[in-house]
Amino acid sequence: YGEMLKGLAKLLKKRWGTNVIDSLTESLLRLRITAFIWENSYYDKAAGETVEVLDTFNILSDLKIVKRRQDGHVTKEGGYFRFNDFVLNNLLVNHTKPLLFDVVVGFKSEVAQLLYVYIDLIMSDKTLYERRTKELFDDLGLEGKAYKNPSNRKQVLDRALKEMQGVRLTTGVLTTAKLQETNDGKDWKIV
């Protein structure tokens, strides 16, 4: 377990010490006990079938931590963790796309976070992307009266796009993110 934690610390570029050990242990515990609901999202290529509804699951299916203490000090520790089989299989066959989490949490705007995740996926195999704001908001699941008018969508996206200039994507860097008026003048489009 100690070697496993050291490996995780190295991957995360954390300096080894008591705080890192405690932080990683707490993070593993959260991954084990936090439940998710996974709907319409798993495709098993080998079997050629889609699992349309999956009840609750955890990212880690197993986690065991054993510590031996003597006189208040940990003398030996061990343990293991195991990813959920669905999550692991999705990772192994490239159905799950990685994301730069540090970039996502660095945004101040929630719309910038949503837009970044969407753009990172879309731009994984492109160098140019354009989308009208009405359809973009539908794609992002942003609903409400405030988003019905193109001017309101533009205002929200202007703030988000300022934050996204020059951010790293998993496949490169977002060099330009701007809004342009559509040819018909009825909407804006993200470019």
C-alpha atoms as a PDB file:
ATOM      1  CA  TYR A   1       0.000   0.000   0.000  1.00  0.00           C
ATOM      2  CA  GLY A   2       2.806   2.396   0.858  1.00  0.00           C
ATOM      3  CA  GLU A   3       4.504   1.776  -2.486  1.00  0.00           C
ATOM      4  CA  MET A   4       1.192   2.219  -4.281  1.00  0.00           C
ATOM      5  CA  LEU A   5       0.676   5.580  -2.542  1.00  0.00           C
ATOM      6  CA  LYS A   6       4.209   6.630  -3.423  1.00  0.00           C
ATOM      7  CA  GLY A   7       3.473   5.803  -7.063  1.00  0.00           C
ATOM      8  CA  LEU A   8       0.249   7.845  -6.950  1.00  0.00           C
ATOM      9  CA  ALA A   9       2.075  10.758  -5.326  1.00  0.00           C
ATOM     10  CA  LYS A  10       4.716  10.649  -8.046  1.00  0.00           C
ATOM     11  CA  LEU A  11       2.068  10.612 -10.811  1.00  0.00           C
ATOM     12  CA  LEU A  12       0.326  13.575  -9.181  1.00  0.00           C
ATOM     13  CA  LYS A  13       3.682  15.374  -8.672  1.00  0.00           C
ATOM     14  CA  LYS A  14       3.186  15.600  -4.908  1.00  0.00           C
ATOM     15  CA  ARG A  15       6.062  15.617  -2.439  1.00  0.00           C
ATOM     16  CA  TRP A  16       6.027  12.546  -0.226  1.00  0.00           C
ATOM     17  CA  GLY A  17       5.044  13.094   3.388  1.00  0.00           C
ATOM     18  CA  THR A  18       2.360  12.599   6.016  1.00  0.00           C
ATOM     19  CA  ASN A  19       0.011  15.184   4.495  1.00  0.00           C
ATOM     20  CA  VAL A  20       0.212  13.504   1.081  1.00  0.00           C
ATOM     21  CA  ILE A  21      -0.360  10.056   2.589  1.00  0.00           C
ATOM     22  CA  ASP A  22      -3.436  11.305   4.444  1.00  0.00           C
ATOM     23  CA  SER A  23      -4.732  13.230   1.417  1.00  0.00           C
ATOM     24  CA  LEU A  24      -4.343  10.275  -0.964  1.00  0.00           C
ATOM     25  CA  THR A  25      -5.958   7.894   1.525  1.00  0.00           C
ATOM     26  CA  GLU A  26      -8.918  10.260   1.932  1.00  0.00           C
ATOM     27  CA  SER A  27      -9.206  10.619  -1.859  1.00  0.00           C
ATOM     28  CA  LEU A  28      -9.228   6.844  -2.320  1.00  0.00           C
ATOM     29  CA  LEU A  29     -11.914   6.547   0.345  1.00  0.00           C
ATOM     30  CA  ARG A  30     -14.048   9.161  -1.431  1.00  0.00           C
ATOM     31  CA  LEU A  31     -13.649   7.309  -4.745  1.00  0.00           C
ATOM     32  CA  ARG A  32     -14.768   4.108  -3.038  1.00  0.00           C
ATOM     33  CA  ILE A  33     -17.822   5.483  -1.217  1.00  0.00           C
ATOM     34  CA  THR A  34     -19.121   8.144  -3.638  1.00  0.00           C
ATOM     35  CA  ALA A  35     -21.937   6.647  -5.666  1.00  0.00           C
ATOM     36  CA  PHE A  36     -22.671   7.522  -9.290  1.00  0.00           C
ATOM     37  CA  ILE A  37     -25.553   6.695 -11.579  1.00  0.00           C
ATOM     38  CA  TRP A  38     -24.445   5.729 -15.062  1.00  0.00           C
ATOM     39  CA  GLU A  39     -27.146   5.893 -17.733  1.00  0.00           C
ATOM     40  CA  ASN A  40     -26.843   5.239 -21.478  1.00  0.00           C
ATOM     41  CA  SER A  41     -23.091   5.528 -21.400  1.00  0.00           C
ATOM     42  CA  TYR A  42     -21.414   2.153 -21.616  1.00  0.00           C
ATOM     43  CA  TYR A  43     -20.769   0.373 -24.896  1.00  0.00           C
ATOM     44  CA  ASP A  44     -19.154  -3.055 -24.766  1.00  0.00           C
ATOM     45  CA  LYS A  45     -17.482  -3.386 -28.181  1.00  0.00           C
ATOM     46  CA  ALA A  46     -16.469  -7.025 -27.651  1.00  0.00           C
ATOM     47  CA  ALA A  47     -20.049  -8.085 -26.934  1.00  0.00           C
ATOM     48  CA  GLY A  48     -21.526  -5.523 -29.321  1.00  0.00           C
ATOM     49  CA  GLU A  49     -24.054  -4.315 -26.794  1.00  0.00           C
ATOM     50  CA  THR A  50     -24.913  -1.113 -24.991  1.00  0.00           C
ATOM     51  CA  VAL A  51     -25.740  -1.088 -21.298  1.00  0.00           C
ATOM     52  CA  GLU A  52     -28.496   1.510 -21.257  1.00  0.00           C
ATOM     53  CA  VAL A  53     -29.037   1.801 -17.530  1.00  0.00           C
ATOM     54  CA  LEU A  54     -26.544   0.925 -14.858  1.00  0.00           C
ATOM     55  CA  ASP A  55     -27.543   1.281 -11.244  1.00  0.00           C
ATOM     56  CA  THR A  56     -25.289   3.060  -8.832  1.00  0.00           C
ATOM     57  CA  PHE A  57     -21.596   2.330  -9.034  1.00  0.00           C
ATOM     58  CA  ASN A  58     -18.370   3.510  -7.506  1.00  0.00           C
ATOM     59  CA  ILE A  59     -15.174   4.323  -9.383  1.00  0.00           C
ATOM     60  CA  LEU A  60     -13.326   1.921  -7.091  1.00  0.00           C
ATOM     61  CA  SER A  61     -15.014  -1.419  -6.550  1.00  0.00           C
ATOM     62  CA  ASP A  62     -12.585  -2.519  -3.820  1.00  0.00           C
ATOM     63  CA  LEU A  63     -10.439  -0.671  -1.315  1.00  0.00           C
ATOM     64  CA  LYS A  64      -8.701  -2.204   1.647  1.00  0.00           C
ATOM     65  CA  ILE A  65      -6.290  -0.369   3.943  1.00  0.00           C
ATOM     66  CA  VAL A  66      -4.537  -2.132   6.828  1.00  0.00           C
ATOM     67  CA  LYS A  67      -2.313  -0.291   9.316  1.00  0.00           C
ATOM     68  CA  ARG A  68      -0.398  -1.690  12.251  1.00  0.00           C
ATOM     69  CA  ARG A  69       0.388   0.719  15.065  1.00  0.00           C
ATOM     70  CA  GLN A  70       2.707   0.424  17.977  1.00  0.00           C
ATOM     71  CA  ASP A  71       3.091   3.171  20.570  1.00  0.00           C
ATOM     72  CA  GLY A  72       0.937   5.478  18.411  1.00  0.00           C
ATOM     73  CA  HIS A  73       3.128   5.145  15.317  1.00  0.00           C
ATOM     74  CA  VAL A  74       2.294   3.276  12.129  1.00  0.00           C
ATOM     75  CA  THR A  75       4.815   0.441  11.858  1.00  0.00           C
ATOM     76  CA  LYS A  76       3.426  -1.289   8.803  1.00  0.00           C
ATOM     77  CA  GLU A  77       0.689  -0.638   6.312  1.00  0.00           C
ATOM     78  CA  GLY A  78      -0.730  -2.473   3.386  1.00  0.00           C
ATOM     79  CA  GLY A  79      -3.738  -2.605   1.168  1.00  0.00           C
ATOM     80  CA  TYR A  80      -5.003  -2.393  -2.358  1.00  0.00           C
ATOM     81  CA  PHE A  81      -7.640  -0.816  -4.549  1.00  0.00           C
ATOM     82  CA  ARG A  82      -9.392  -1.947  -7.692  1.00  0.00           C
ATOM     83  CA  PHE A  83     -11.259   0.047 -10.325  1.00  0.00           C
ATOM     84  CA  ASN A  84     -14.849  -0.826 -11.146  1.00  0.00           C
ATOM     85  CA  ASP A  85     -14.808  -3.335 -14.039  1.00  0.00           C
ATOM     86  CA  PHE A  86     -16.989  -1.149 -16.278  1.00  0.00           C
ATOM     87  CA  VAL A  87     -14.737   1.889 -15.720  1.00  0.00           C
ATOM     88  CA  LEU A  88     -11.570  -0.159 -16.251  1.00  0.00           C
ATOM     89  CA  ASN A  89     -12.866  -1.820 -19.436  1.00  0.00           C
ATOM     90  CA  ASN A  90     -13.955   1.559 -20.822  1.00  0.00           C
ATOM     91  CA  LEU A  91     -10.473   2.953 -20.173  1.00  0.00           C
ATOM     92  CA  LEU A  92      -8.755  -0.046 -21.741  1.00  0.00           C
ATOM     93  CA  VAL A  93     -10.731   0.148 -25.002  1.00  0.00           C
ATOM     94  CA  ASN A  94     -10.525   3.961 -25.217  1.00  0.00           C
ATOM     95  CA  HIS A  95     -14.255   4.627 -24.759  1.00  0.00           C
ATOM     96  CA  THR A  96     -13.480   6.964 -21.874  1.00  0.00           C
ATOM     97  CA  LYS A  97     -11.611  10.118 -22.772  1.00  0.00           C
ATOM     98  CA  PRO A  98      -9.198  11.650 -20.272  1.00  0.00           C
ATOM     99  CA  LEU A  99      -9.658  15.241 -19.157  1.00  0.00           C
ATOM    100  CA  LEU A 100      -7.255  17.828 -17.750  1.00  0.00           C
ATOM    101  CA  PHE A 101      -8.925  18.196 -14.368  1.00  0.00           C
ATOM    102  CA  ASP A 102      -6.599  20.966 -13.168  1.00  0.00           C
ATOM    103  CA  VAL A 103      -7.681  23.093 -16.137  1.00  0.00           C
ATOM    104  CA  VAL A 104     -11.395  22.461 -15.502  1.00  0.00           C
ATOM    105  CA  VAL A 105     -11.276  23.440 -11.839  1.00  0.00           C
ATOM    106  CA  GLY A 106      -9.230  26.543 -12.698  1.00  0.00           C
ATOM    107  CA  PHE A 107     -12.189  28.227 -14.403  1.00  0.00           C
ATOM    108  CA  LYS A 108     -14.252  30.732 -12.417  1.00  0.00           C
ATOM    109  CA  SER A 109     -17.351  30.396 -14.580  1.00  0.00           C
ATOM    110  CA  GLU A 110     -19.463  27.239 -14.514  1.00  0.00           C
ATOM    111  CA  VAL A 111     -20.294  27.815 -18.179  1.00  0.00           C
ATOM    112  CA  ALA A 112     -16.545  27.890 -18.954  1.00  0.00           C
ATOM    113  CA  GLN A 113     -16.204  24.524 -17.193  1.00  0.00           C
ATOM    114  CA  LEU A 114     -19.075  22.996 -19.181  1.00  0.00           C
ATOM    115  CA  LEU A 115     -17.847  24.515 -22.416  1.00  0.00           C
ATOM    116  CA  TYR A 116     -14.271  23.331 -21.835  1.00  0.00           C
ATOM    117  CA  VAL A 117     -15.340  19.711 -21.320  1.00  0.00           C
ATOM    118  CA  TYR A 118     -17.464  19.897 -24.469  1.00  0.00           C
ATOM    119  CA  ILE A 119     -14.783  21.625 -26.590  1.00  0.00           C
ATOM    120  CA  ASP A 120     -12.056  19.264 -25.380  1.00  0.00           C
ATOM    121  CA  LEU A 121     -14.112  16.311 -26.630  1.00  0.00           C
ATOM    122  CA  ILE A 122     -15.128  17.970 -29.908  1.00  0.00           C
ATOM    123  CA  MET A 123     -11.618  19.230 -30.708  1.00  0.00           C
ATOM    124  CA  SER A 124      -9.931  15.879 -30.060  1.00  0.00           C
ATOM    125  CA  ASP A 125      -9.898  15.179 -33.808  1.00  0.00           C
ATOM    126  CA  LYS A 126     -10.365  18.683 -35.273  1.00  0.00           C
ATOM    127  CA  THR A 127      -8.488  21.949 -35.665  1.00  0.00           C
ATOM    128  CA  LEU A 128     -11.600  24.088 -36.316  1.00  0.00           C
ATOM    129  CA  TYR A 129     -15.113  23.965 -34.889  1.00  0.00           C
ATOM    130  CA  GLU A 130     -18.125  26.251 -35.337  1.00  0.00           C
ATOM    131  CA  ARG A 131     -21.555  26.021 -33.696  1.00  0.00           C
ATOM    132  CA  ARG A 132     -24.516  28.380 -33.389  1.00  0.00           C
ATOM    133  CA  THR A 133     -25.095  29.420 -29.778  1.00  0.00           C
ATOM    134  CA  LYS A 134     -28.688  28.144 -29.719  1.00  0.00           C
ATOM    135  CA  GLU A 135     -27.599  24.618 -30.664  1.00  0.00           C
ATOM    136  CA  LEU A 136     -24.519  24.872 -28.435  1.00  0.00           C
ATOM    137  CA  PHE A 137     -26.663  25.687 -25.412  1.00  0.00           C
ATOM    138  CA  ASP A 138     -28.887  22.717 -26.263  1.00  0.00           C
ATOM    139  CA  ASP A 139     -25.769  20.502 -26.470  1.00  0.00           C
ATOM    140  CA  LEU A 140     -24.569  21.767 -23.085  1.00  0.00           C
ATOM    141  CA  GLY A 141     -28.007  21.323 -21.480  1.00  0.00           C
ATOM    142  CA  LEU A 142     -28.247  25.033 -20.640  1.00  0.00           C
ATOM    143  CA  GLU A 143     -31.913  25.933 -20.461  1.00  0.00           C
ATOM    144  CA  GLY A 144     -33.931  28.832 -19.198  1.00  0.00           C
ATOM    145  CA  LYS A 145     -35.582  32.058 -20.222  1.00  0.00           C
ATOM    146  CA  ALA A 146     -32.305  33.967 -19.932  1.00  0.00           C
ATOM    147  CA  TYR A 147     -30.784  31.839 -22.695  1.00  0.00           C
ATOM    148  CA  LYS A 148     -33.603  32.233 -25.240  1.00  0.00           C
ATOM    149  CA  ASN A 149     -32.213  35.515 -26.619  1.00  0.00           C
ATOM    150  CA  PRO A 150     -29.029  35.492 -28.715  1.00  0.00           C
ATOM    151  CA  SER A 151     -27.763  38.581 -26.864  1.00  0.00           C
ATOM    152  CA  ASN A 152     -28.013  36.774 -23.511  1.00  0.00           C
ATOM    153  CA  ARG A 153     -26.218  33.719 -24.879  1.00  0.00           C
ATOM    154  CA  LYS A 154     -23.507  36.000 -26.294  1.00  0.00           C
ATOM    155  CA  GLN A 155     -23.052  37.742 -22.954  1.00  0.00           C
ATOM    156  CA  VAL A 156     -22.649  34.445 -21.089  1.00  0.00           C
ATOM    157  CA  LEU A 157     -20.297  33.000 -23.691  1.00  0.00           C
ATOM    158  CA  ASP A 158     -18.154  36.165 -23.917  1.00  0.00           C
ATOM    159  CA  ARG A 159     -17.210  35.769 -20.243  1.00  0.00           C
ATOM    160  CA  ALA A 160     -16.562  32.035 -20.599  1.00  0.00           C
ATOM    161  CA  LEU A 161     -14.491  32.406 -23.776  1.00  0.00           C
ATOM    162  CA  LYS A 162     -12.225  35.024 -22.183  1.00  0.00           C
ATOM    163  CA  GLU A 163     -11.257  32.405 -19.598  1.00  0.00           C
ATOM    164  CA  MET A 164     -10.648  29.770 -22.266  1.00  0.00           C
ATOM    165  CA  GLN A 165      -8.121  31.667 -24.385  1.00  0.00           C
ATOM    166  CA  GLY A 166      -4.909  29.653 -24.661  1.00  0.00           C
ATOM    167  CA  VAL A 167      -5.980  26.792 -22.353  1.00  0.00           C
ATOM    168  CA  ARG A 168      -4.505  23.347 -22.750  1.00  0.00           C
ATOM    169  CA  LEU A 169      -6.683  20.640 -24.227  1.00  0.00           C
ATOM    170  CA  THR A 170      -5.876  16.944 -24.036  1.00  0.00           C
ATOM    171  CA  THR A 171      -4.851  17.115 -27.708  1.00  0.00           C
ATOM    172  CA  GLY A 172      -3.216  20.554 -27.865  1.00  0.00           C
ATOM    173  CA  VAL A 173      -3.960  24.174 -27.035  1.00  0.00           C
ATOM    174  CA  LEU A 174      -7.087  26.210 -27.691  1.00  0.00           C
ATOM    175  CA  THR A 175      -5.468  29.127 -29.512  1.00  0.00           C
ATOM    176  CA  THR A 176      -8.640  31.000 -30.468  1.00  0.00           C
ATOM    177  CA  ALA A 177     -12.119  30.911 -28.977  1.00  0.00           C
ATOM    178  CA  LYS A 178     -14.452  33.688 -30.096  1.00  0.00           C
ATOM    179  CA  LEU A 179     -17.972  34.560 -31.138  1.00  0.00           C
ATOM    180  CA  GLN A 180     -18.978  35.716 -34.608  1.00  0.00           C
ATOM    181  CA  GLU A 181     -22.343  36.902 -35.790  1.00  0.00           C
ATOM    182  CA  THR A 182     -24.032  34.382 -38.091  1.00  0.00           C
ATOM    183  CA  ASN A 183     -24.500  35.251 -41.761  1.00  0.00           C
ATOM    184  CA  ASP A 184     -28.252  35.655 -41.306  1.00  0.00           C
ATOM    185  CA  GLY A 185     -27.692  38.007 -38.339  1.00  0.00           C
ATOM    186  CA  LYS A 186     -30.118  36.049 -36.153  1.00  0.00           C
ATOM    187  CA  ASP A 187     -27.609  34.420 -33.810  1.00  0.00           C
ATOM    188  CA  TRP A 188     -23.965  34.167 -32.855  1.00  0.00           C
ATOM    189  CA  LYS A 189     -21.689  31.242 -33.452  1.00  0.00           C
ATOM    190  CA  ILE A 190     -18.745  30.010 -31.449  1.00  0.00           C
ATOM    191  CA  VAL A 191     -15.571  29.592 -33.485  1.00  0.00           C
END
